[in-house]
Amino acid sequence: MNRKHFLRSLAFAGVSLPVIPGMGAPASAPGRAGSSIAKPVIPPYLKPGDTIGITCPAGFITLESIKPAIQQMESWGYKVRPGRTVGLRDFTFGGSDADRQADFQELLDDHSIKAIMCARGGYGMVRIIDKLDFSGFMKHPKWIIGFSDITVMHCYLSVNHPVASIHSKMCNSFPDDWNKAEPMQQDTILSIRRALEGEKTAYSTPPSGFNRTGRTEGLLVGGNLKTIESLAGSNAEINTEGKILFVEDTGEYLYSIDRMFWNLKRSGKLSGLAGLVIGGFKVKPDDPGEEFGKTVIDIVMEKVKEFTYPVCFNFPVGHQRNNYALKCGVMHELTVSAEGVWLNEIR
């Protein structure tokens, strides 16, 4: 597949922008001195024959629903082991809290499991995160994969156990028929494989008149904005100082998005950033007569106007088809220029 083909972005309502994954920033772009931020632990990258475990730490899903994901990952040369929570249901959850905790713990402690893919998001990770024991995981780190509610795990790791993780689509996003899937959908799934096998993630998006230009380096952190807000004051509260923050969300009113960005600003999470990446925001329409009067771009730029770091919009991450794999806790370089945007993993 030609990984430089143009893809379609659905980040903002009615806006379609092409995306070029796997393309580095221009060599002539101005550089910045290396960062003094300590790099976290990078789990071993996967090789053929390695085993990926699947678990449901949040919402429920059936074994039948994840068969396309299992078949696809097996076609990459991996063994796949569904956890005990796959197929379990306790109302909206993939089993009881005890079920989900035990299943995740088993995959954390099993040294034969080289990566853990969360089957889907929803809600539930926060209910079990403090009951998990990461001592074995720290001795034998592995990749934990997911997004949305799994932002809880990405943030918890970044603060308590500095091990890199992968923010990406999960089992419920794999196409039922690979051959009938759109090229962009295939490429987003393949981006998970590239990340797991050690290829440096590198993405490029077209320029936007709303972007703020600049070039910076920092550890990449972030995820679902509502989830990040909900972790404030806890032992998983995200630390953004000197880092590149990416955020995305879905199904929120504009006033709620504004409130969440005020939370970031008032808690100091926007003041010390190296850079800000705005992914997809699927906005819930205002109620008639209760129009908020500002766009997502207005909301963001109002909160960061006093700062000088680069800011970009329409990045291909979030609750949308063009949701590419990003390595959380890994050093990245962000370049925002009049020619486009580049977010490249660096080591």
Protein backbone atom coordinates (compact mmCIF):
# COMPACT_ATOMS: atom_id res chain seq x y z
CA MET A 1 0.00 0.00 0.00
CA ASN A 2 1.23 3.53 -0.77
CA ARG A 3 1.38 5.10 2.69
CA LYS A 4 1.76 8.56 1.20
CA HIS A 5 -1.64 8.60 -0.41
CA PHE A 6 -3.99 11.40 0.52
CA LEU A 7 -6.58 10.60 3.17
CA ARG A 8 -9.69 12.40 4.29
CA SER A 9 -9.97 14.06 7.70
CA LEU A 10 -13.28 14.28 9.56
CA ALA A 11 -11.97 16.23 12.53
CA PHE A 12 -14.45 19.09 12.36
CA ALA A 13 -18.00 19.10 11.10
CA GLY A 14 -18.05 19.51 7.35
CA VAL A 15 -14.27 19.91 7.05
CA SER A 16 -12.28 17.38 5.02
CA LEU A 17 -8.51 17.60 4.92
CA PRO A 18 -5.95 15.18 3.47
CA VAL A 19 -3.46 13.47 5.74
CA ILE A 20 -0.12 11.99 4.80
CA PRO A 21 1.07 9.40 7.34
CA GLY A 22 4.69 8.36 7.49
CA MET A 23 6.12 11.58 6.06
CA GLY A 24 8.82 13.45 7.97
CA ALA A 25 9.25 17.20 8.42
CA PRO A 26 11.35 19.06 5.85
CA ALA A 27 15.05 18.82 6.58
CA SER A 28 15.33 22.60 6.24
CA ALA A 29 12.84 23.30 9.04
CA PRO A 30 14.42 25.26 11.91
CA GLY A 31 15.47 23.11 14.86
CA ARG A 32 15.46 23.47 18.62
CA ALA A 33 17.98 22.26 21.16
CA GLY A 34 17.45 18.76 22.51
CA SER A 35 15.13 18.25 25.46
CA SER A 36 16.41 17.43 28.94
CA ILE A 37 13.24 15.47 29.75
CA ALA A 38 14.06 11.88 30.74
CA LYS A 39 12.73 9.29 28.35
CA PRO A 40 10.36 6.68 29.78
CA VAL A 41 10.74 2.94 29.38
CA ILE A 42 9.98 1.70 25.87
CA PRO A 43 8.50 -1.82 25.96
CA PRO A 44 10.06 -4.39 23.61
CA TYR A 45 8.69 -4.14 20.11
CA LEU A 46 6.81 -7.14 18.77
CA LYS A 47 8.12 -9.80 16.43
CA PRO A 48 6.35 -12.66 14.62
CA GLY A 49 5.09 -15.28 17.03
CA ASP A 50 4.55 -12.86 19.91
CA THR A 51 1.21 -12.88 21.71
CA ILE A 52 -1.26 -10.01 22.04
CA GLY A 53 -3.83 -10.27 24.83
CA ILE A 54 -7.28 -8.72 24.51
CA THR A 55 -9.30 -7.53 27.48
CA CYS A 56 -12.39 -5.43 28.27
CA PRO A 57 -11.50 -2.99 31.06
CA ALA A 58 -14.47 -0.78 30.18
CA GLY A 59 -17.47 -1.60 27.98
CA PHE A 60 -18.59 -5.09 27.00
CA ILE A 61 -18.06 -6.74 23.64
CA THR A 62 -18.69 -10.20 22.23
CA LEU A 63 -16.09 -12.62 20.89
CA GLU A 64 -17.89 -12.57 17.55
CA SER A 65 -17.46 -8.78 17.34
CA ILE A 66 -13.69 -8.94 17.75
CA LYS A 67 -13.06 -11.81 15.34
CA PRO A 68 -12.06 -9.42 12.50
CA ALA A 69 -9.43 -7.88 14.81
CA ILE A 70 -8.16 -11.30 15.86
CA GLN A 71 -7.91 -12.50 12.27
CA GLN A 72 -6.13 -9.33 11.17
CA MET A 73 -3.55 -9.43 13.95
CA GLU A 74 -2.97 -13.14 13.31
CA SER A 75 -2.33 -12.28 9.65
CA TRP A 76 0.49 -10.04 10.90
CA GLY A 77 2.14 -13.11 12.40
CA TYR A 78 1.01 -12.67 16.02
CA LYS A 79 -0.78 -15.03 18.34
CA VAL A 80 -3.89 -13.53 19.92
CA ARG A 81 -5.35 -14.50 23.28
CA PRO A 82 -8.79 -13.11 24.20
CA GLY A 83 -9.11 -12.51 27.92
CA ARG A 84 -11.86 -13.84 30.16
CA THR A 85 -13.80 -10.57 30.00
CA VAL A 86 -14.42 -10.89 26.26
CA GLY A 87 -18.06 -11.96 26.07
CA LEU A 88 -18.83 -11.11 29.71
CA ARG A 89 -21.42 -8.46 30.49
CA ASP A 90 -22.46 -6.66 33.64
CA PHE A 91 -24.90 -4.07 32.31
CA THR A 92 -22.69 -1.67 30.28
CA PHE A 93 -19.43 -3.18 31.56
CA GLY A 94 -17.36 -6.09 30.28
CA GLY A 95 -18.00 -8.03 33.45
CA SER A 96 -17.95 -6.87 37.06
CA ASP A 97 -15.20 -4.64 38.41
CA ALA A 98 -13.61 -7.74 39.94
CA ASP A 99 -13.81 -9.59 36.60
CA ARG A 100 -12.21 -6.74 34.69
CA GLN A 101 -9.51 -6.15 37.26
CA ALA A 102 -8.57 -9.84 37.42
CA ASP A 103 -8.45 -10.18 33.64
CA PHE A 104 -6.27 -7.10 33.17
CA GLN A 105 -4.01 -8.19 36.05
CA GLU A 106 -3.55 -11.62 34.50
CA LEU A 107 -2.43 -10.07 31.21
CA LEU A 108 -0.12 -7.63 33.02
CA ASP A 109 1.57 -10.46 34.92
CA ASP A 110 1.81 -13.01 32.09
CA HIS A 111 5.31 -12.64 30.62
CA SER A 112 4.25 -14.42 27.44
CA ILE A 113 1.88 -11.55 26.63
CA LYS A 114 3.85 -8.85 24.79
CA ALA A 115 1.01 -6.36 24.26
CA ILE A 116 -2.44 -5.76 25.71
CA MET A 117 -5.14 -4.43 23.39
CA CYS A 118 -8.28 -3.08 24.98
CA ALA A 119 -11.26 -4.41 23.07
CA ARG A 120 -13.25 -1.17 23.23
CA GLY A 121 -13.76 1.98 25.25
CA GLY A 122 -16.96 3.18 26.87
CA TYR A 123 -16.51 3.62 30.61
CA GLY A 124 -14.93 1.59 33.36
CA MET A 125 -11.12 1.84 33.48
CA VAL A 126 -11.19 4.38 36.31
CA ARG A 127 -13.15 1.88 38.43
CA ILE A 128 -10.27 -0.63 38.42
CA ILE A 129 -7.07 1.35 37.83
CA ASP A 130 -6.17 1.73 41.53
CA LYS A 131 -6.64 -1.99 42.16
CA LEU A 132 -4.08 -3.07 39.57
CA ASP A 133 -0.57 -4.11 40.61
CA PHE A 134 2.06 -2.86 38.16
CA SER A 135 5.11 -4.35 39.90
CA GLY A 136 5.39 -7.26 37.48
CA PHE A 137 4.61 -4.99 34.54
CA MET A 138 7.48 -2.70 35.45
CA LYS A 139 9.89 -5.64 35.47
CA HIS A 140 8.55 -6.88 32.14
CA PRO A 141 6.91 -3.87 30.40
CA LYS A 142 4.58 -4.39 27.47
CA TRP A 143 2.53 -2.21 25.15
CA ILE A 144 -0.96 -1.24 26.32
CA ILE A 145 -3.19 -0.16 23.44
CA GLY A 146 -6.41 1.84 23.30
CA PHE A 147 -8.04 5.27 23.36
CA SER A 148 -11.14 7.09 24.65
CA ASP A 149 -11.76 5.69 28.17
CA ILE A 150 -8.31 4.06 27.99
CA THR A 151 -6.93 7.60 28.37
CA VAL A 152 -7.15 6.78 32.08
CA MET A 153 -4.43 4.17 31.60
CA HIS A 154 -2.23 6.38 29.43
CA CYS A 155 -2.37 9.19 32.01
CA TYR A 156 -1.88 6.83 34.95
CA LEU A 157 1.20 5.29 33.38
CA SER A 158 2.72 8.65 32.47
CA VAL A 159 2.47 9.85 36.07
CA ASN A 160 3.12 6.68 38.08
CA HIS A 161 4.93 4.16 35.88
CA PRO A 162 6.75 5.90 33.02
CA VAL A 163 6.24 3.26 30.35
CA ALA A 164 5.27 4.19 26.80
CA SER A 165 1.84 3.13 25.54
CA ILE A 166 -0.13 3.33 22.29
CA HIS A 167 -3.16 5.57 21.78
CA SER A 168 -5.02 4.04 18.85
CA LYS A 169 -8.08 2.29 17.59
CA MET A 170 -9.21 -0.87 19.35
CA CYS A 171 -10.76 -4.19 18.35
CA ASN A 172 -14.21 -2.72 17.70
CA SER A 173 -12.75 -0.49 14.96
CA PHE A 174 -11.30 -3.22 12.76
CA PRO A 175 -13.26 -3.62 9.49
CA ASP A 176 -15.43 -6.72 9.08
CA ASP A 177 -14.07 -7.23 5.57
CA TRP A 178 -10.51 -6.00 5.12
CA ASN A 179 -10.69 -6.08 1.33
CA LYS A 180 -13.76 -3.83 1.31
CA ALA A 181 -12.39 -1.29 3.79
CA GLU A 182 -11.46 2.21 2.66
CA PRO A 183 -7.71 2.83 2.25
CA MET A 184 -7.73 5.27 5.16
CA GLN A 185 -9.41 2.75 7.46
CA GLN A 186 -6.85 0.14 6.47
CA ASP A 187 -3.98 2.55 7.03
CA THR A 188 -5.13 3.54 10.51
CA ILE A 189 -5.26 -0.12 11.49
CA LEU A 190 -1.85 -0.75 9.92
CA SER A 191 -0.49 2.19 11.91
CA ILE A 192 -1.01 0.05 15.02
CA ARG A 193 1.14 -2.69 13.52
CA ARG A 194 3.83 -0.18 12.53
CA ALA A 195 3.89 1.22 16.07
CA LEU A 196 4.06 -2.23 17.67
CA GLU A 197 6.91 -3.32 15.41
CA GLY A 198 9.07 -0.30 16.18
CA GLU A 199 8.58 1.93 13.18
CA LYS A 200 8.83 5.56 14.22
CA THR A 201 5.43 7.19 13.96
CA ALA A 202 5.41 10.18 11.62
CA TYR A 203 2.35 12.05 10.40
CA SER A 204 1.78 15.09 8.26
CA THR A 205 -1.35 17.20 7.77
CA PRO A 206 -2.03 20.16 5.47
CA PRO A 207 -1.68 23.72 6.73
CA SER A 208 -4.55 25.57 8.38
CA GLY A 209 -4.98 29.31 8.67
CA PHE A 210 -5.91 28.78 12.30
CA ASN A 211 -2.67 27.05 13.27
CA ARG A 212 0.07 28.82 15.22
CA THR A 213 3.44 28.11 13.71
CA GLY A 214 6.60 26.97 15.45
CA ARG A 215 8.78 23.95 16.13
CA THR A 216 9.20 22.11 19.39
CA GLU A 217 10.14 18.83 21.04
CA GLY A 218 8.69 17.00 24.02
CA LEU A 219 7.17 13.81 25.36
CA LEU A 220 3.77 13.20 23.79
CA VAL A 221 0.88 12.95 26.26
CA GLY A 222 -2.88 13.28 26.05
CA GLY A 223 -6.04 11.59 24.88
CA ASN A 224 -9.72 12.17 25.50
CA LEU A 225 -10.27 15.66 26.90
CA LYS A 226 -13.27 14.81 29.11
CA THR A 227 -11.35 11.91 30.61
CA ILE A 228 -8.30 14.08 31.25
CA GLU A 229 -10.52 16.62 33.02
CA SER A 230 -12.10 13.90 35.17
CA LEU A 231 -8.67 12.81 36.44
CA ALA A 232 -7.86 16.22 37.97
CA GLY A 233 -6.81 15.92 41.60
CA SER A 234 -6.22 12.16 41.36
CA ASN A 235 -3.05 10.10 41.16
CA ALA A 236 -3.55 9.98 37.38
CA GLU A 237 -3.73 13.75 36.86
CA ILE A 238 -1.77 14.42 33.70
CA ASN A 239 1.51 16.35 33.89
CA THR A 240 1.93 18.54 30.81
CA GLU A 241 4.99 20.58 31.77
CA GLY A 242 7.39 20.70 28.81
CA LYS A 243 5.32 18.19 26.85
CA ILE A 244 3.34 18.05 23.62
CA LEU A 245 -0.33 17.63 24.55
CA PHE A 246 -2.89 16.15 22.16
CA VAL A 247 -6.62 16.15 22.89
CA GLU A 248 -9.81 14.93 21.21
CA ASP A 249 -13.44 14.41 22.19
CA THR A 250 -16.86 13.41 20.96
CA GLY A 251 -20.50 14.10 21.76
CA GLU A 252 -19.89 17.23 23.85
CA TYR A 253 -21.63 20.58 23.68
CA LEU A 254 -19.46 23.57 22.82
CA TYR A 255 -20.00 25.08 26.26
CA SER A 256 -18.76 21.83 27.81
CA ILE A 257 -15.66 21.87 25.60
CA ASP A 258 -15.08 25.47 26.67
CA ARG A 259 -15.37 24.45 30.33
CA MET A 260 -12.88 21.63 29.84
CA PHE A 261 -10.33 23.95 28.24
CA TRP A 262 -10.84 26.43 31.08
CA ASN A 263 -10.04 23.55 33.42
CA LEU A 264 -6.78 22.94 31.55
CA LYS A 265 -5.90 26.62 31.67
CA ARG A 266 -6.84 27.29 35.29
CA SER A 267 -4.99 24.19 36.48
CA GLY A 268 -1.82 25.31 34.71
CA LYS A 269 -1.83 22.54 32.12
CA LEU A 270 -1.63 24.96 29.19
CA SER A 271 1.01 27.34 30.53
CA GLY A 272 4.07 25.08 30.42
CA LEU A 273 3.34 23.16 27.23
CA ALA A 274 5.88 22.58 24.50
CA GLY A 275 3.08 22.32 21.93
CA LEU A 276 -0.64 21.64 21.55
CA VAL A 277 -2.25 19.25 19.05
CA ILE A 278 -6.02 19.41 18.57
CA GLY A 279 -7.53 16.26 17.15
CA GLY A 280 -11.10 15.49 16.18
CA PHE A 281 -13.99 17.07 18.07
CA LYS A 282 -17.43 15.77 17.22
CA VAL A 283 -19.60 18.52 18.64
CA LYS A 284 -23.14 18.00 19.88
CA PRO A 285 -25.44 20.64 18.29
CA ASP A 286 -26.48 23.48 20.57
CA ASP A 287 -30.01 23.42 21.87
CA PRO A 288 -32.22 25.98 20.06
CA GLY A 289 -31.99 29.31 21.83
CA GLU A 290 -28.90 28.18 23.78
CA GLU A 291 -26.28 28.77 21.08
CA PHE A 292 -22.78 29.11 22.51
CA GLY A 293 -21.48 31.36 19.75
CA LYS A 294 -17.90 30.06 19.58
CA THR A 295 -16.24 27.32 17.55
CA VAL A 296 -13.73 24.78 18.87
CA ILE A 297 -11.00 26.87 17.27
CA ASP A 298 -12.28 30.00 19.04
CA ILE A 299 -12.36 28.15 22.34
CA VAL A 300 -8.80 26.85 22.03
CA MET A 301 -7.18 30.04 20.80
CA GLU A 302 -8.81 32.08 23.55
CA LYS A 303 -7.12 29.87 26.16
CA VAL A 304 -3.65 29.86 24.59
CA LYS A 305 -3.41 33.41 23.23
CA GLU A 306 -0.90 34.48 25.90
CA PHE A 307 1.46 31.61 25.11
CA THR A 308 3.81 31.21 22.17
CA TYR A 309 4.12 27.45 21.58
CA PRO A 310 2.91 25.91 18.28
CA VAL A 311 -0.74 24.87 18.00
CA CYS A 312 -2.34 22.80 15.24
CA PHE A 313 -5.90 21.76 14.42
CA ASN A 314 -7.53 18.90 12.52
CA PHE A 315 -4.93 16.32 13.54
CA PRO A 316 -5.94 12.74 12.60
CA VAL A 317 -6.65 11.39 16.08
CA GLY A 318 -9.96 10.88 17.86
CA HIS A 319 -13.39 9.30 17.55
CA GLN A 320 -13.25 9.22 13.76
CA ARG A 321 -12.07 7.03 10.91
CA ASN A 322 -8.71 8.75 10.59
CA ASN A 323 -7.56 7.89 14.10
CA TYR A 324 -3.87 7.03 13.82
CA ALA A 325 -1.68 5.30 16.38
CA LEU A 326 0.37 7.60 18.60
CA LYS A 327 3.02 6.55 21.11
CA CYS A 328 2.28 8.21 24.44
CA GLY A 329 5.27 9.00 26.61
CA VAL A 330 7.70 9.00 23.69
CA MET A 331 9.71 12.00 22.48
CA HIS A 332 8.22 13.74 19.46
CA GLU A 333 9.01 16.74 17.34
CA LEU A 334 6.13 18.99 16.32
CA THR A 335 6.58 21.34 13.39
CA VAL A 336 3.76 23.71 12.46
CA SER A 337 4.48 25.86 9.42
CA ALA A 338 2.77 27.59 6.53
CA GLU A 339 3.50 24.47 4.47
CA GLY A 340 1.87 22.00 6.85
CA VAL A 341 2.14 20.15 10.16
CA TRP A 342 4.55 17.32 11.04
CA LEU A 343 4.45 15.25 14.22
CA ASN A 344 7.40 12.88 14.20
CA GLU A 345 8.61 10.42 16.80
CA ILE A 346 12.26 10.99 17.71
CA ARG A 347 14.69 9.08 19.89
